[in-house]
C-alpha atoms as a PDB file:
ATOM      1  CA  UNK A   1       2.497  -1.914  -0.878  1.00  0.00           C
ATOM      2  CA  UNK A   2       2.421   1.841  -0.925  1.00  0.00           C
ATOM      3  CA  UNK A   3       4.170   3.984  -3.486  1.00  0.00           C
ATOM      4  CA  UNK A   4       7.261   5.380  -1.827  1.00  0.00           C
ATOM      5  CA  UNK A   5       8.500   8.964  -2.328  1.00  0.00           C
ATOM      6  CA  UNK A   6      10.597   9.891  -0.327  1.00  0.00           C
ATOM      7  CA  UNK A   7       5.137  24.761  28.364  1.00  0.00           C
ATOM      8  CA  UNK A   8       4.353  24.597  31.035  1.00  0.00           C
ATOM      9  CA  UNK A   9       4.811  21.325  32.820  1.00  0.00           C
ATOM     10  CA  UNK A  10       1.688  19.174  33.040  1.00  0.00           C
ATOM     11  CA  UNK A  11       0.032  18.132  36.253  1.00  0.00           C
ATOM     12  CA  UNK A  12      -0.284  14.430  36.971  1.00  0.00           C
ATOM     13  CA  UNK A  13      -3.955  13.584  36.858  1.00  0.00           C
ATOM     14  CA  UNK A  14      -3.935   9.844  37.294  1.00  0.00           C
ATOM     15  CA  UNK A  15      -2.278   6.512  36.635  1.00  0.00           C
ATOM     16  CA  UNK A  16      -3.667   4.235  33.942  1.00  0.00           C
ATOM     17  CA  UNK A  17      -2.471   0.658  33.617  1.00  0.00           C
ATOM     18  CA  UNK A  18      -3.418  -1.754  30.837  1.00  0.00           C
ATOM     19  CA  UNK A  19      -2.922  -5.480  30.554  1.00  0.00           C
ATOM     20  CA  UNK A  20       0.018  -6.739  28.519  1.00  0.00           C
ATOM     21  CA  UNK A  21       3.494  -5.383  28.067  1.00  0.00           C
ATOM     22  CA  UNK A  22       2.406  -2.052  26.610  1.00  0.00           C
ATOM     23  CA  UNK A  23       1.198   0.225  29.386  1.00  0.00           C
ATOM     24  CA  UNK A  24       0.326   3.865  29.811  1.00  0.00           C
ATOM     25  CA  UNK A  25       2.282   5.108  32.784  1.00  0.00           C
ATOM     26  CA  UNK A  26       0.780   8.546  33.313  1.00  0.00           C
ATOM     27  CA  UNK A  27      -1.929  10.905  32.144  1.00  0.00           C
ATOM     28  CA  UNK A  28      -1.136  14.613  32.437  1.00  0.00           C
ATOM     29  CA  UNK A  29      -3.364  17.642  32.236  1.00  0.00           C
ATOM     30  CA  UNK A  30      -1.972  19.665  29.372  1.00  0.00           C
ATOM     31  CA  UNK A  31      -2.373  23.082  30.997  1.00  0.00           C
ATOM     32  CA  UNK A  32      -1.770  24.008  34.687  1.00  0.00           C
ATOM     33  CA  UNK A  33      -5.306  25.397  34.988  1.00  0.00           C
ATOM     34  CA  UNK A  34      -8.213  25.902  32.630  1.00  0.00           C
ATOM     35  CA  UNK A  35      -6.989  25.813  29.046  1.00  0.00           C
ATOM     36  CA  UNK A  36      -6.817  29.373  27.673  1.00  0.00           C
ATOM     37  CA  UNK A  37      -9.874  30.285  25.641  1.00  0.00           C
ATOM     38  CA  UNK A  38     -12.207  27.718  27.155  1.00  0.00           C
ATOM     39  CA  UNK A  39     -12.768  29.350  30.552  1.00  0.00           C
ATOM     40  CA  UNK A  40     -16.543  29.443  30.025  1.00  0.00           C
ATOM     41  CA  UNK A  41     -17.010  25.987  28.541  1.00  0.00           C
ATOM     42  CA  UNK A  42     -19.554  24.139  30.679  1.00  0.00           C
ATOM     43  CA  UNK A  43     -20.335  20.996  28.703  1.00  0.00           C
ATOM     44  CA  UNK A  44     -19.290  17.493  29.751  1.00  0.00           C
ATOM     45  CA  UNK A  45     -16.993  15.127  27.935  1.00  0.00           C
ATOM     46  CA  UNK A  46     -18.731  12.107  26.397  1.00  0.00           C
ATOM     47  CA  UNK A  47     -17.287   8.690  25.533  1.00  0.00           C
ATOM     48  CA  UNK A  48     -18.948   6.259  23.122  1.00  0.00           C
ATOM     49  CA  UNK A  49     -17.803   2.650  22.795  1.00  0.00           C
ATOM     50  CA  UNK A  50     -18.389   0.185  19.943  1.00  0.00           C
ATOM     51  CA  UNK A  51     -18.937   2.807  17.251  1.00  0.00           C
ATOM     52  CA  UNK A  52     -17.861   2.204  13.610  1.00  0.00           C
ATOM     53  CA  UNK A  53     -14.648   4.070  14.575  1.00  0.00           C
ATOM     54  CA  UNK A  54     -14.171   2.164  17.827  1.00  0.00           C
ATOM     55  CA  UNK A  55     -14.117   4.188  21.045  1.00  0.00           C
ATOM     56  CA  UNK A  56     -14.912   7.838  20.313  1.00  0.00           C
ATOM     57  CA  UNK A  57     -14.631  10.865  22.602  1.00  0.00           C
ATOM     58  CA  UNK A  58     -16.652  14.070  22.115  1.00  0.00           C
ATOM     59  CA  UNK A  59     -16.938  17.457  23.844  1.00  0.00           C
ATOM     60  CA  UNK A  60     -13.442  17.475  25.349  1.00  0.00           C
ATOM     61  CA  UNK A  61     -13.023  20.425  27.727  1.00  0.00           C
ATOM     62  CA  UNK A  62      -9.856  19.414  29.608  1.00  0.00           C
ATOM     63  CA  UNK A  63      -7.056  18.377  27.246  1.00  0.00           C
ATOM     64  CA  UNK A  64      -4.682  15.659  28.421  1.00  0.00           C
ATOM     65  CA  UNK A  65      -1.553  13.806  27.366  1.00  0.00           C
ATOM     66  CA  UNK A  66      -1.237  10.078  28.060  1.00  0.00           C
ATOM     67  CA  UNK A  67       2.320   8.750  28.193  1.00  0.00           C
ATOM     68  CA  UNK A  68       3.465   5.358  26.878  1.00  0.00           C
ATOM     69  CA  UNK A  69       7.145   4.757  27.614  1.00  0.00           C
ATOM     70  CA  UNK A  70       9.022   1.681  26.385  1.00  0.00           C
ATOM     71  CA  UNK A  71      11.263  -0.286  28.754  1.00  0.00           C
ATOM     72  CA  UNK A  72      14.581   1.494  29.076  1.00  0.00           C
ATOM     73  CA  UNK A  73      16.320  -1.602  27.675  1.00  0.00           C
ATOM     74  CA  UNK A  74      14.388  -1.143  24.388  1.00  0.00           C
ATOM     75  CA  UNK A  75      14.113   2.641  24.261  1.00  0.00           C
ATOM     76  CA  UNK A  76      15.449   4.303  21.128  1.00  0.00           C
ATOM     77  CA  UNK A  77      15.365   7.851  22.489  1.00  0.00           C
ATOM     78  CA  UNK A  78      12.684   8.748  19.943  1.00  0.00           C
ATOM     79  CA  UNK A  79       9.241  10.026  20.934  1.00  0.00           C
ATOM     80  CA  UNK A  80       6.064  10.636  18.947  1.00  0.00           C
ATOM     81  CA  UNK A  81       3.118  12.844  19.875  1.00  0.00           C
ATOM     82  CA  UNK A  82      -0.147  11.455  18.434  1.00  0.00           C
ATOM     83  CA  UNK A  83      -3.229  13.510  17.514  1.00  0.00           C
ATOM     84  CA  UNK A  84      -6.288  11.343  16.684  1.00  0.00           C
ATOM     85  CA  UNK A  85      -8.836  12.556  14.153  1.00  0.00           C
ATOM     86  CA  UNK A  86     -12.579  13.183  14.081  1.00  0.00           C
ATOM     87  CA  UNK A  87     -13.178  16.500  12.262  1.00  0.00           C
ATOM     88  CA  UNK A  88     -12.281  18.353  15.499  1.00  0.00           C
ATOM     89  CA  UNK A  89     -15.725  17.439  16.874  1.00  0.00           C
ATOM     90  CA  UNK A  90     -14.734  13.915  18.007  1.00  0.00           C
ATOM     91  CA  UNK A  91     -11.633  11.803  18.603  1.00  0.00           C
ATOM     92  CA  UNK A  92     -11.140   8.204  17.455  1.00  0.00           C
ATOM     93  CA  UNK A  93      -9.134   7.816  20.620  1.00  0.00           C
ATOM     94  CA  UNK A  94      -8.229   4.114  20.362  1.00  0.00           C
ATOM     95  CA  UNK A  95      -7.912   3.343  16.640  1.00  0.00           C
ATOM     96  CA  UNK A  96      -5.946   6.524  15.972  1.00  0.00           C
ATOM     97  CA  UNK A  97      -4.417   7.022  19.401  1.00  0.00           C
ATOM     98  CA  UNK A  98      -4.020   4.368  22.074  1.00  0.00           C
ATOM     99  CA  UNK A  99      -3.533   1.429  19.677  1.00  0.00           C
ATOM    100  CA  UNK A 100      -0.902   3.372  17.742  1.00  0.00           C
ATOM    101  CA  UNK A 101       0.886   4.347  20.960  1.00  0.00           C
ATOM    102  CA  UNK A 102       1.014   0.763  22.183  1.00  0.00           C
ATOM    103  CA  UNK A 103       2.497  -0.432  18.882  1.00  0.00           C
ATOM    104  CA  UNK A 104       5.174   2.250  18.969  1.00  0.00           C
ATOM    105  CA  UNK A 105       5.898   1.568  22.629  1.00  0.00           C
ATOM    106  CA  UNK A 106       6.473  -2.114  21.882  1.00  0.00           C
ATOM    107  CA  UNK A 107       8.994  -1.065  19.234  1.00  0.00           C
ATOM    108  CA  UNK A 108      11.056   1.115  21.568  1.00  0.00           C
ATOM    109  CA  UNK A 109       9.435   4.470  20.775  1.00  0.00           C
ATOM    110  CA  UNK A 110       7.914   6.660  23.478  1.00  0.00           C
ATOM    111  CA  UNK A 111       4.385   7.693  22.483  1.00  0.00           C
ATOM    112  CA  UNK A 112       2.074  10.421  23.757  1.00  0.00           C
ATOM    113  CA  UNK A 113      -1.644  10.428  22.960  1.00  0.00           C
ATOM    114  CA  UNK A 114      -3.086  13.927  22.841  1.00  0.00           C
ATOM    115  CA  UNK A 115      -6.751  14.286  23.824  1.00  0.00           C
ATOM    116  CA  UNK A 116      -7.275  17.815  22.587  1.00  0.00           C
ATOM    117  CA  UNK A 117     -10.161  20.217  23.106  1.00  0.00           C
ATOM    118  CA  UNK A 118     -13.330  19.910  21.034  1.00  0.00           C
ATOM    119  CA  UNK A 119     -16.073  22.477  20.842  1.00  0.00           C
ATOM    120  CA  UNK A 120     -19.467  21.203  21.915  1.00  0.00           C
ATOM    121  CA  UNK A 121     -21.038  19.036  19.241  1.00  0.00           C
ATOM    122  CA  UNK A 122     -24.494  20.420  18.489  1.00  0.00           C
ATOM    123  CA  UNK A 123     -25.414  18.359  15.421  1.00  0.00           C
ATOM    124  CA  UNK A 124     -25.890  14.705  14.486  1.00  0.00           C
ATOM    125  CA  UNK A 125     -24.814  12.881  11.368  1.00  0.00           C
ATOM    126  CA  UNK A 126     -22.801  14.528   8.587  1.00  0.00           C
ATOM    127  CA  UNK A 127     -20.924  17.788   9.064  1.00  0.00           C
ATOM    128  CA  UNK A 128     -23.015  20.896   8.344  1.00  0.00           C
ATOM    129  CA  UNK A 129     -22.458  22.473   4.918  1.00  0.00           C
ATOM    130  CA  UNK A 130     -21.085  25.644   6.566  1.00  0.00           C
ATOM    131  CA  UNK A 131     -18.647  23.747   8.819  1.00  0.00           C
ATOM    132  CA  UNK A 132     -15.316  25.594   9.149  1.00  0.00           C
ATOM    133  CA  UNK A 133     -12.463  23.199   9.873  1.00  0.00           C
ATOM    134  CA  UNK A 134      -9.935  25.964  10.578  1.00  0.00           C
ATOM    135  CA  UNK A 135     -12.212  27.435  13.256  1.00  0.00           C
ATOM    136  CA  UNK A 136     -13.237  24.064  14.711  1.00  0.00           C
ATOM    137  CA  UNK A 137      -9.611  22.974  15.103  1.00  0.00           C
ATOM    138  CA  UNK A 138      -8.285  26.249  16.554  1.00  0.00           C
ATOM    139  CA  UNK A 139      -8.406  25.012  20.170  1.00  0.00           C
ATOM    140  CA  UNK A 140      -6.852  21.685  19.250  1.00  0.00           C
ATOM    141  CA  UNK A 141      -4.094  23.489  17.381  1.00  0.00           C
ATOM    142  CA  UNK A 142      -3.264  25.500  20.523  1.00  0.00           C
ATOM    143  CA  UNK A 143      -3.222  22.224  22.483  1.00  0.00           C
ATOM    144  CA  UNK A 144      -0.851  20.730  19.902  1.00  0.00           C
ATOM    145  CA  UNK A 145       1.649  23.559  20.417  1.00  0.00           C
ATOM    146  CA  UNK A 146       1.345  23.121  24.179  1.00  0.00           C
ATOM    147  CA  UNK A 147       1.779  19.349  23.968  1.00  0.00           C
ATOM    148  CA  UNK A 148       5.089  19.733  22.139  1.00  0.00           C
ATOM    149  CA  UNK A 149       6.248  22.076  24.911  1.00  0.00           C
ATOM    150  CA  UNK A 150       5.146  19.660  27.644  1.00  0.00           C
ATOM    151  CA  UNK A 151       6.958  16.684  26.117  1.00  0.00           C
ATOM    152  CA  UNK A 152      10.108  18.727  25.622  1.00  0.00           C
ATOM    153  CA  UNK A 153       9.928  19.924  29.223  1.00  0.00           C
ATOM    154  CA  UNK A 154       9.847  16.281  30.323  1.00  0.00           C
ATOM    155  CA  UNK A 155      12.196  14.973  27.630  1.00  0.00           C
ATOM    156  CA  UNK A 156      15.046  13.978  29.921  1.00  0.00           C
ATOM    157  CA  UNK A 157      12.657  12.348  32.405  1.00  0.00           C
ATOM    158  CA  UNK A 158      10.945  10.375  29.631  1.00  0.00           C
ATOM    159  CA  UNK A 159      14.118   9.410  27.769  1.00  0.00           C
ATOM    160  CA  UNK A 160      13.511  11.569  24.683  1.00  0.00           C
ATOM    161  CA  UNK A 161      16.740  12.682  23.028  1.00  0.00           C
ATOM    162  CA  UNK A 162      17.151  16.188  21.609  1.00  0.00           C
ATOM    163  CA  UNK A 163      16.141  16.258  17.958  1.00  0.00           C
ATOM    164  CA  UNK A 164      14.039  13.090  18.139  1.00  0.00           C
ATOM    165  CA  UNK A 165      10.477  14.215  18.898  1.00  0.00           C
ATOM    166  CA  UNK A 166       7.927  13.727  16.130  1.00  0.00           C
ATOM    167  CA  UNK A 167       4.260  14.649  15.715  1.00  0.00           C
ATOM    168  CA  UNK A 168       1.737  12.322  14.011  1.00  0.00           C
ATOM    169  CA  UNK A 169      -1.806  13.320  13.076  1.00  0.00           C
ATOM    170  CA  UNK A 170      -4.748  11.342  11.721  1.00  0.00           C
ATOM    171  CA  UNK A 171      -7.401  13.061   9.614  1.00  0.00           C
ATOM    172  CA  UNK A 172      -8.232  16.321  11.460  1.00  0.00           C
ATOM    173  CA  UNK A 173      -5.237  15.604  13.683  1.00  0.00           C
ATOM    174  CA  UNK A 174      -3.220  16.517  10.610  1.00  0.00           C
ATOM    175  CA  UNK A 175      -4.442  20.082  11.086  1.00  0.00           C
ATOM    176  CA  UNK A 176      -2.645  20.164  14.438  1.00  0.00           C
ATOM    177  CA  UNK A 177       0.509  18.653  12.989  1.00  0.00           C
ATOM    178  CA  UNK A 178       0.616  20.944   9.952  1.00  0.00           C
ATOM    179  CA  UNK A 179       0.310  24.056  12.117  1.00  0.00           C
ATOM    180  CA  UNK A 180       3.106  22.828  14.385  1.00  0.00           C
ATOM    181  CA  UNK A 181       5.309  21.856  11.443  1.00  0.00           C
ATOM    182  CA  UNK A 182       4.808  25.074   9.472  1.00  0.00           C
ATOM    183  CA  UNK A 183       5.125  27.561  12.335  1.00  0.00           C
ATOM    184  CA  UNK A 184       7.572  30.429  11.926  1.00  0.00           C
ATOM    185  CA  UNK A 185       9.756  29.464  14.900  1.00  0.00           C
ATOM    186  CA  UNK A 186      11.813  26.605  13.479  1.00  0.00           C
ATOM    187  CA  UNK A 187      13.125  25.643  16.927  1.00  0.00           C
ATOM    188  CA  UNK A 188       9.573  24.901  18.123  1.00  0.00           C
ATOM    189  CA  UNK A 189       8.691  22.604  15.234  1.00  0.00           C
ATOM    190  CA  UNK A 190       8.593  18.827  15.693  1.00  0.00           C
ATOM    191  CA  UNK A 191      11.754  17.063  14.521  1.00  0.00           C
ATOM    192  CA  UNK A 192       9.717  15.015  12.048  1.00  0.00           C
ATOM    193  CA  UNK A 193       6.056  14.800  11.145  1.00  0.00           C
ATOM    194  CA  UNK A 194       3.630  12.120   9.968  1.00  0.00           C
ATOM    195  CA  UNK A 195       0.342  12.806   8.212  1.00  0.00           C
ATOM    196  CA  UNK A 196      -2.020   9.827   8.077  1.00  0.00           C
ATOM    197  CA  UNK A 197      -4.943  10.746   5.778  1.00  0.00           C
ATOM    198  CA  UNK A 198      -4.875  14.207   7.361  1.00  0.00           C
ATOM    199  CA  UNK A 199      -3.414  17.538   6.259  1.00  0.00           C
ATOM    200  CA  UNK A 200      -4.586  21.157   6.055  1.00  0.00           C
ATOM    201  CA  UNK A 201      -8.299  20.808   5.190  1.00  0.00           C
ATOM    202  CA  UNK A 202      -8.948  24.538   5.066  1.00  0.00           C
ATOM    203  CA  UNK A 203      -6.778  27.296   3.633  1.00  0.00           C
ATOM    204  CA  UNK A 204      -3.346  26.101   2.527  1.00  0.00           C
ATOM    205  CA  UNK A 205      -0.749  27.756   4.785  1.00  0.00           C
ATOM    206  CA  UNK A 206       2.557  29.084   3.554  1.00  0.00           C
ATOM    207  CA  UNK A 207       5.269  26.413   3.380  1.00  0.00           C
ATOM    208  CA  UNK A 208       8.558  27.524   4.972  1.00  0.00           C
ATOM    209  CA  UNK A 209      11.854  26.257   3.537  1.00  0.00           C
ATOM    210  CA  UNK A 210      13.911  23.407   4.976  1.00  0.00           C
ATOM    211  CA  UNK A 211      11.230  21.579   6.936  1.00  0.00           C
ATOM    212  CA  UNK A 212      11.964  18.503   9.059  1.00  0.00           C
ATOM    213  CA  UNK A 213      11.372  15.071   7.459  1.00  0.00           C
ATOM    214  CA  UNK A 214       7.745  14.311   6.543  1.00  0.00           C
ATOM    215  CA  UNK A 215       5.910  10.982   6.123  1.00  0.00           C
ATOM    216  CA  UNK A 216       2.470  10.767   4.499  1.00  0.00           C
ATOM    217  CA  UNK A 217       0.018   7.882   4.034  1.00  0.00           C
ATOM    218  CA  UNK A 218      -3.473   7.645   2.589  1.00  0.00           C
ATOM    219  CA  UNK A 219      -5.557   5.417   0.338  1.00  0.00           C
ATOM    220  CA  UNK A 220      -6.675   5.982  -3.227  1.00  0.00           C
ATOM    221  CA  UNK A 221     -10.327   5.483  -2.287  1.00  0.00           C
ATOM    222  CA  UNK A 222     -10.319   8.096   0.482  1.00  0.00           C
ATOM    223  CA  UNK A 223     -13.053  10.543  -0.505  1.00  0.00           C
ATOM    224  CA  UNK A 224     -12.626  12.606   2.692  1.00  0.00           C
ATOM    225  CA  UNK A 225      -8.889  13.142   3.074  1.00  0.00           C
ATOM    226  CA  UNK A 226      -7.381  12.138  -0.247  1.00  0.00           C
ATOM    227  CA  UNK A 227      -7.695  15.521  -1.933  1.00  0.00           C
ATOM    228  CA  UNK A 228      -6.184  17.344   1.055  1.00  0.00           C
ATOM    229  CA  UNK A 229      -3.260  14.924   1.117  1.00  0.00           C
ATOM    230  CA  UNK A 230      -2.515  15.306  -2.593  1.00  0.00           C
ATOM    231  CA  UNK A 231      -2.778  19.091  -2.350  1.00  0.00           C
ATOM    232  CA  UNK A 232      -0.440  19.215   0.656  1.00  0.00           C
ATOM    233  CA  UNK A 233       2.031  16.794  -0.919  1.00  0.00           C
ATOM    234  CA  UNK A 234       2.236  18.989  -4.019  1.00  0.00           C
ATOM    235  CA  UNK A 235       2.667  22.129  -1.916  1.00  0.00           C
ATOM    236  CA  UNK A 236       5.546  20.539   0.001  1.00  0.00           C
ATOM    237  CA  UNK A 237       7.219  19.393  -3.211  1.00  0.00           C
ATOM    238  CA  UNK A 238       6.823  22.834  -4.780  1.00  0.00           C
ATOM    239  CA  UNK A 239       8.518  24.353  -1.722  1.00  0.00           C
ATOM    240  CA  UNK A 240      11.509  22.068  -2.217  1.00  0.00           C
ATOM    241  CA  UNK A 241      10.725  19.433   0.403  1.00  0.00           C
ATOM    242  CA  UNK A 242      10.851  15.693  -0.263  1.00  0.00           C
ATOM    243  CA  UNK A 243       8.034  14.070   1.731  1.00  0.00           C
ATOM    244  CA  UNK A 244       7.741  10.301   1.687  1.00  0.00           C
ATOM    245  CA  UNK A 245       4.245   9.375   0.488  1.00  0.00           C
ATOM    246  CA  UNK A 246       2.531   5.988   0.622  1.00  0.00           C
ATOM    247  CA  UNK A 247      -0.661   5.795  -1.412  1.00  0.00           C
ATOM    248  CA  UNK A 248      -2.464   2.532  -0.741  1.00  0.00           C
ATOM    249  CA  UNK A 249      -4.832   1.029  -3.283  1.00  0.00           C
ATOM    250  CA  UNK A 250      -7.614   0.621  -0.711  1.00  0.00           C
ATOM    251  CA  UNK A 251      -8.447   1.305   2.898  1.00  0.00           C
ATOM    252  CA  UNK A 252     -10.800   4.271   2.733  1.00  0.00           C
ATOM    253  CA  UNK A 253     -10.692   7.028   5.312  1.00  0.00           C
ATOM    254  CA  UNK A 254     -10.043   6.381   8.985  1.00  0.00           C
ATOM    255  CA  UNK A 255      -8.331   2.993   8.785  1.00  0.00           C
ATOM    256  CA  UNK A 256      -5.955   3.745  11.661  1.00  0.00           C
ATOM    257  CA  UNK A 257      -4.968   0.493  13.365  1.00  0.00           C
ATOM    258  CA  UNK A 258      -8.141  -1.275  12.166  1.00  0.00           C
ATOM    259  CA  UNK A 259      -7.239  -4.254   9.991  1.00  0.00           C
ATOM    260  CA  UNK A 260      -9.389  -4.630   6.871  1.00  0.00           C
ATOM    261  CA  UNK A 261      -7.361  -7.060   4.760  1.00  0.00           C
ATOM    262  CA  UNK A 262      -6.083  -4.219   2.538  1.00  0.00           C
ATOM    263  CA  UNK A 263      -2.561  -2.948   1.946  1.00  0.00           C
ATOM    264  CA  UNK A 264      -3.283  -0.009   4.257  1.00  0.00           C
ATOM    265  CA  UNK A 265      -3.167  -2.489   7.155  1.00  0.00           C
ATOM    266  CA  UNK A 266       0.619  -2.205   6.940  1.00  0.00           C
ATOM    267  CA  UNK A 267       0.999   1.570   7.022  1.00  0.00           C
ATOM    268  CA  UNK A 268       2.601   1.564  10.463  1.00  0.00           C
ATOM    269  CA  UNK A 269       5.261  -0.920   9.356  1.00  0.00           C
ATOM    270  CA  UNK A 270       6.019   1.315   6.379  1.00  0.00           C
ATOM    271  CA  UNK A 271       6.249   4.234   8.813  1.00  0.00           C
ATOM    272  CA  UNK A 272       8.655   2.306  11.043  1.00  0.00           C
ATOM    273  CA  UNK A 273      10.865   1.460   8.061  1.00  0.00           C
ATOM    274  CA  UNK A 274      10.886   5.149   7.150  1.00  0.00           C
ATOM    275  CA  UNK A 275      11.879   6.040  10.721  1.00  0.00           C
ATOM    276  CA  UNK A 276      14.677   3.510  10.388  1.00  0.00           C
ATOM    277  CA  UNK A 277      15.782   5.054   7.103  1.00  0.00           C
ATOM    278  CA  UNK A 278      15.985   8.587   8.545  1.00  0.00           C
ATOM    279  CA  UNK A 279      17.818   7.376  11.635  1.00  0.00           C
ATOM    280  CA  UNK A 280      15.199   7.525  14.397  1.00  0.00           C
ATOM    281  CA  UNK A 281      15.027   3.840  15.402  1.00  0.00           C
ATOM    282  CA  UNK A 282      18.690   3.243  16.206  1.00  0.00           C
ATOM    283  CA  UNK A 283      19.081   3.421  20.001  1.00  0.00           C
ATOM    284  CA  UNK A 284      21.337   6.168  21.231  1.00  0.00           C
ATOM    285  CA  UNK A 285      24.520   5.286  23.054  1.00  0.00           C
ATOM    286  CA  UNK A 286      24.052   5.743  26.779  1.00  0.00           C
END
């Protein structure tokens, strides 16, 4: 068990239905036209199945938001935007996106999987030594800001109560969440944030005072994200915040919803208990 510390409206692009109780009702284009800054992108999105990280998406040009709403009888009024990871050159779209959304949906929480823009991948294997995470994630960060606006525009339609929209990021997805959480305009920040083995990987941004509640989870044997998580945790504490941190003994980097027989398998239950503790799982009176 982990150590505990305490827009512009989208355009409907299609209807995706999955077997079982947990279904994605709608997929929206994030921007009304071409996403700003990528007007001259001409590469094609690629999808790879059965990789070590499950289904992986690369070369995303058109960012989208896929909506998973719980039955109204179970809805808590809480919503969570989810940013999968992949070093901002790929997205582990199922393990760190769709599977998470379905779990949350089954537990009465509206979930929104963000497929954010990725610059064209021009290398194979490990990241180049001169790879700049801040630059690579800049388009995804803009999409993260836009996604928060889109969900808030649709909040009443999707049953999201004021003050109950969170943002969760895995690995590089934590870059998107940290930029949204630490932005100057407090009213535009998410109402809570979750960092799953992902935080600022580049320059450490300034930490504003009085941030919304923060949840963090990573494993001790994470050689890719562990340092960034510890550094960010310390920066938040130094600024006077009290993030809840769960440091699992094993699990490595990128565990997501993949079960490995380690304590990290239960991170999402720990997250749910934390949501319960801060008051986001109790259904609102209608």
